[in-house]
Amino acid sequence: MKNFFTNWDNYLNFFEFLDFLHERRILTKDDILRLFEYPLRQIHKDRHLRKYALKEKHGYEGVKHLFDVLGYPEEDDSQG
């Protein structure tokens, strides 16, 4: 299981990098949607993956920012 989280963290760090490129205006919102909408949507759609990515202690503020920029709705994960 530890290997999964190591790989998962590496994957999320890639999306943190995309947010960095977007903030620097190197990538546009349209670029991100065209190239990475599917994996980002899958992360957002899965309650457990989204909850892990958005948990403040994990430090993936860039992933949350990408969700906001792309217009993904905030989900209420307080229920289970």
Protein backbone atom coordinates (compact mmCIF):
# COMPACT_ATOMS: atom_id res chain seq x y z
CA MET A 1 0.00 0.00 0.00
CA LYS A 2 2.91 2.32 0.73
CA ASN A 3 4.03 1.96 -2.91
CA PHE A 4 0.57 3.05 -4.05
CA PHE A 5 0.75 6.27 -2.03
CA THR A 6 4.29 6.97 -3.25
CA ASN A 7 3.13 6.62 -6.84
CA TRP A 8 -0.05 8.57 -6.10
CA ASP A 9 1.95 11.42 -4.57
CA ASN A 10 4.20 11.52 -7.64
CA TYR A 11 1.11 11.66 -9.85
CA LEU A 12 -0.42 14.50 -7.83
CA ASN A 13 2.89 16.38 -7.91
CA PHE A 14 2.64 16.35 -11.70
CA PHE A 15 -0.70 18.17 -11.45
CA GLU A 16 0.86 20.59 -8.97
CA PHE A 17 3.41 21.33 -11.71
CA LEU A 18 0.60 21.92 -14.21
CA ASP A 19 -0.91 24.46 -11.83
CA PHE A 20 2.51 26.15 -11.56
CA LEU A 21 2.70 26.36 -15.37
CA HIS A 22 -0.83 27.73 -15.50
CA GLU A 23 -0.05 30.37 -12.87
CA ARG A 24 3.00 31.42 -14.92
CA ARG A 25 0.79 31.63 -18.02
CA ILE A 26 2.81 28.95 -19.79
CA LEU A 27 -0.26 26.70 -20.03
CA THR A 28 -3.77 28.02 -20.52
CA LYS A 29 -6.94 26.60 -19.06
CA ASP A 30 -7.77 25.35 -22.56
CA ASP A 31 -4.37 23.59 -22.80
CA ILE A 32 -4.98 21.81 -19.50
CA LEU A 33 -8.50 20.79 -20.48
CA ARG A 34 -7.42 19.48 -23.88
CA LEU A 35 -4.50 17.49 -22.53
CA PHE A 36 -5.47 16.47 -19.00
CA GLU A 37 -9.21 16.80 -18.51
CA TYR A 38 -9.80 13.06 -18.33
CA PRO A 39 -7.33 12.24 -15.51
CA LEU A 40 -8.26 15.36 -13.56
CA ARG A 41 -11.96 14.57 -13.93
CA GLN A 42 -11.35 10.99 -12.75
CA ILE A 43 -9.52 12.19 -9.65
CA HIS A 44 -12.29 14.68 -8.92
CA LYS A 45 -15.04 12.12 -9.52
CA ASP A 46 -13.64 9.53 -7.12
CA ARG A 47 -14.53 10.60 -3.57
CA HIS A 48 -11.55 8.87 -1.94
CA LEU A 49 -8.96 10.13 -4.41
CA ARG A 50 -10.38 13.65 -4.31
CA LYS A 51 -10.49 13.65 -0.51
CA TYR A 52 -6.82 12.59 -0.33
CA ALA A 53 -5.75 15.18 -2.91
CA LEU A 54 -7.63 17.99 -1.20
CA LYS A 55 -6.66 17.17 2.40
CA GLU A 56 -4.73 20.22 3.55
CA LYS A 57 -2.04 18.23 5.37
CA HIS A 58 -1.00 16.59 2.07
CA GLY A 59 -0.16 19.99 0.56
CA TYR A 60 -1.76 19.73 -2.87
CA GLU A 61 -3.15 23.26 -3.00
CA GLY A 62 -2.31 23.38 -6.72
CA VAL A 63 -4.63 20.45 -7.41
CA LYS A 64 -7.43 22.23 -5.58
CA HIS A 65 -6.64 25.39 -7.54
CA LEU A 66 -6.81 23.46 -10.83
CA PHE A 67 -10.20 22.05 -9.82
CA ASP A 68 -11.37 25.60 -9.11
CA VAL A 69 -9.93 27.01 -12.36
CA LEU A 70 -11.52 24.22 -14.37
CA GLY A 71 -14.86 24.79 -12.70
CA TYR A 72 -15.16 21.44 -10.95
CA PRO A 73 -17.73 21.80 -8.18
CA GLU A 74 -16.71 21.55 -4.55
CA GLU A 75 -18.00 18.30 -3.13
CA ASP A 76 -19.26 17.72 0.38
CA ASP A 77 -17.12 14.84 1.65
CA SER A 78 -18.29 15.16 5.22
CA GLN A 79 -20.66 12.22 4.75
CA GLY A 80 -18.61 9.05 5.06
